[in-house]
């Protein structure tokens, strides 16, 4: 532990009385501690979770496919805009 000849004064920084507040010293052990882990018992069975109807499953799949297509289109749009902004000379470079 590093000690200092100066004493800690709340509301005063190390450089003097400039009105800036300074945090009190914190021990290293206080910053390393983690939150306790609580293990809850899991019950197995059909009541564990949500069971979707076939119509809900189809709807979820269709929504997932639509989101994937929109994301792919957005990626292609970004790629195309990047190529356009770089100019046509970028495609004629030697490999």
Foldseek 3Di string as FASTA:
>chain_A
DDDDPDDDDAQADPVGNPRDGDDDDDDPVVVPDDDDDDDDDDDDDPVRDDDDDPVVVVVVVVVVVVVVVVVVVVVVVVVVVVDVVVPPVVVVDDD
